[in-house]
Protein backbone atom coordinates (compact mmCIF):
# COMPACT_ATOMS: atom_id res chain seq x y z
CA MET A 1 219.31 25.73 69.99
CA THR A 2 216.09 26.08 71.99
CA SER A 3 213.67 28.90 71.33
CA ALA A 4 214.40 30.28 74.83
CA THR A 5 218.12 30.39 74.04
CA ALA A 6 217.42 32.09 70.74
CA ARG A 7 215.21 34.70 72.47
CA VAL A 8 217.89 35.40 75.09
CA ARG A 9 220.58 35.81 72.44
CA SER A 10 218.37 37.98 70.27
CA ALA A 11 217.50 40.22 73.21
CA ALA A 12 221.13 40.60 74.26
CA LEU A 13 222.31 41.35 70.75
CA ALA A 14 219.47 43.84 70.27
CA ALA A 15 220.46 45.55 73.54
CA GLY A 16 224.08 45.70 72.42
CA VAL A 17 223.17 47.14 69.03
CA ALA A 18 220.83 49.68 70.61
CA GLY A 19 223.60 50.61 73.02
CA ALA A 20 226.16 51.05 70.29
CA LEU A 21 223.77 53.20 68.27
CA ALA A 22 222.88 55.32 71.28
CA LEU A 23 226.51 55.83 72.26
CA THR A 24 227.61 56.79 68.77
CA GLY A 25 224.71 59.21 68.41
CA CYS A 26 223.24 57.36 65.42
CA SER A 27 219.57 57.91 64.86
CA GLY A 28 217.02 57.29 62.17
CA GLY A 29 215.32 59.94 60.13
CA ASP A 30 218.33 61.45 58.40
CA SER A 31 217.32 64.03 55.83
CA LYS A 32 218.58 64.17 52.25
CA ASP A 33 221.32 66.64 53.18
CA GLY A 34 222.72 64.20 55.78
CA SER A 35 221.53 66.12 58.83
CA SER A 36 219.58 64.30 61.48
CA SER A 37 215.97 65.16 62.18
CA SER A 38 216.01 63.57 65.63
CA PRO A 39 218.19 64.31 68.65
CA SER A 40 221.04 62.06 69.68
CA ALA A 41 220.24 59.40 72.26
CA THR A 42 223.23 60.34 74.39
CA THR A 43 222.45 62.59 77.28
CA ALA A 44 224.83 63.69 79.98
CA PRO A 45 223.56 63.00 83.46
CA THR A 46 222.15 65.87 85.41
CA SER A 47 222.34 66.39 89.11
CA SER A 48 221.89 69.16 91.59
CA THR A 49 225.64 69.25 92.14
CA GLY A 50 226.52 69.48 88.44
CA THR A 51 228.40 66.98 86.29
CA PRO A 52 231.34 65.43 88.13
CA GLY A 53 234.86 65.98 86.73
CA VAL A 54 235.03 62.77 84.70
CA THR A 55 237.93 62.18 82.34
CA GLY A 56 238.14 59.50 79.61
CA ALA A 57 237.62 55.90 80.61
CA SER A 58 240.72 53.75 80.52
CA ALA A 59 241.12 51.43 77.55
CA GLU A 60 240.35 48.39 79.66
CA LEU A 61 236.77 49.61 80.30
CA GLN A 62 236.00 50.10 76.61
CA GLY A 63 233.57 47.72 74.92
CA SER A 64 230.38 45.79 75.57
CA TRP A 65 229.77 44.01 78.86
CA ILE A 66 226.87 41.66 79.69
CA THR A 67 225.32 40.41 82.95
CA THR A 68 221.96 39.11 84.11
CA ALA A 69 219.97 40.61 86.96
CA GLY A 70 216.44 39.93 88.13
CA GLY A 71 215.77 37.65 85.17
CA LYS A 72 216.89 40.27 82.63
CA ILE A 73 219.94 40.65 80.43
CA VAL A 74 221.83 43.87 81.11
CA ALA A 75 224.30 45.26 78.58
CA LEU A 76 226.80 47.92 79.70
CA VAL A 77 228.49 49.64 76.74
CA ILE A 78 231.43 52.02 77.18
CA ASP A 79 232.80 54.01 74.23
CA GLY A 80 235.31 56.73 75.07
CA LYS A 81 233.73 58.86 77.80
CA LYS A 82 230.21 57.70 76.89
CA ALA A 83 228.44 54.90 78.75
CA GLY A 84 225.06 53.25 78.41
CA VAL A 85 223.08 50.48 80.07
CA PHE A 86 220.39 48.61 78.20
CA ALA A 87 218.24 45.92 79.85
CA THR A 88 215.62 43.62 78.45
CA GLY A 89 212.29 45.05 79.45
CA GLY A 90 213.11 48.50 78.14
CA THR A 91 215.47 50.15 80.62
CA VAL A 92 217.80 52.54 78.76
CA CYS A 93 220.38 54.65 80.58
CA SER A 94 223.13 56.88 79.23
CA GLY A 95 225.89 59.00 80.68
CA THR A 96 229.63 59.00 81.25
CA ALA A 97 232.47 56.70 82.27
CA GLY A 98 235.89 57.84 83.31
CA THR A 99 238.42 58.52 86.01
CA GLU A 100 237.35 60.77 88.84
CA ALA A 101 239.55 61.46 91.87
CA GLY A 102 241.66 58.42 90.95
CA MET A 103 238.64 56.07 90.75
CA ARG A 104 236.99 54.64 87.64
CA MET A 105 233.37 55.82 87.80
CA ILE A 106 230.18 55.47 85.75
CA HIS A 107 227.39 58.09 85.99
CA LEU A 108 224.07 57.38 84.25
CA THR A 109 220.59 58.81 83.84
CA CYS A 110 217.80 56.38 82.92
CA THR A 111 214.90 57.30 80.64
CA ASP A 112 212.42 55.41 82.84
CA GLY A 113 213.58 57.18 86.01
CA SER A 114 215.24 54.05 87.41
CA LYS A 115 217.82 54.73 90.11
CA ASP A 116 219.31 51.20 90.15
CA ARG A 117 222.37 52.06 88.06
CA VAL A 118 222.98 55.79 88.51
CA THR A 119 226.48 55.88 90.02
CA GLY A 120 228.87 52.97 89.78
CA MET A 121 232.48 52.48 90.82
CA VAL A 122 234.56 49.97 88.87
CA ASP A 123 236.14 47.70 91.46
CA SER A 124 238.12 45.56 89.03
CA VAL A 125 238.43 44.91 85.31
CA ASP A 126 240.44 42.56 83.11
CA ASP A 127 240.09 41.22 79.57
CA LYS A 128 237.14 38.97 80.53
CA ALA A 129 235.25 40.50 83.48
CA MET A 130 234.43 43.80 85.15
CA LYS A 131 233.00 44.29 88.65
CA VAL A 132 230.99 47.44 89.27
CA THR A 133 229.54 48.47 92.62
CA TRP A 134 226.42 50.58 92.10
CA SER A 135 225.21 52.98 94.78
CA GLY A 136 221.87 51.93 96.18
CA LYS A 137 220.27 48.53 96.53
CA LEU A 138 221.94 46.75 93.57
CA GLY A 139 225.41 46.66 95.06
CA GLN A 140 228.06 44.81 93.07
CA GLU A 141 227.46 43.33 89.62
CA THR A 142 229.92 41.27 87.60
CA TYR A 143 229.87 41.82 83.83
CA THR A 144 231.41 39.55 81.19
CA ARG A 145 233.01 41.07 78.08
CA ALA A 146 231.03 40.46 74.88
CA GLU A 147 233.42 40.21 71.94
CA GLY A 148 232.51 40.72 68.29
CA GLY A 149 228.74 40.91 68.81
CA LYS A 150 228.65 37.45 70.41
CA LEU A 151 227.27 36.60 73.81
CA PRO A 152 229.76 35.45 76.42
CA SER A 153 229.50 31.82 77.45
CA GLY A 154 227.86 30.92 80.75
CA LEU A 155 224.72 33.06 80.46
CA PRO A 156 221.55 31.33 81.61
CA THR A 157 219.47 29.95 78.73
CA GLN A 158 216.10 30.75 80.29
CA LEU A 159 215.03 34.02 81.83
CA LYS A 160 211.76 35.13 83.40
CA GLN A 161 209.28 36.30 80.82
């Protein structure tokens, strides 16, 4: 395995782990009595119109999904109604995923203020791939399911540094 491949895999796995920790509300700094001294990383999105009426995401959306965009690995993690996006380079977004007016929607807020993946509509999903159309300039992205902490096959082995 080349060092570039190893870096790509390490970055993707780190993003997935960070995503899982953020979505489950795990954080460091637990005190002796088991209470946490730091806030959870999950934050509901805020908007001037309030939080949309999102219900639980369907079972087929659940899990870790990976894509590449702009030379970066992007991990989309959905756990229950919680959703998060984690990209190499430091982008971290969290929010909700669920059914809204009969459509499967994802609503996120990014810590760096990015607006690339704020509102997404799931166009299609099966056991291997999910297509999400994001509002704004990104448009449609196709994600591949990552099973058991392993990267899906077919990812590029070299990304822009």
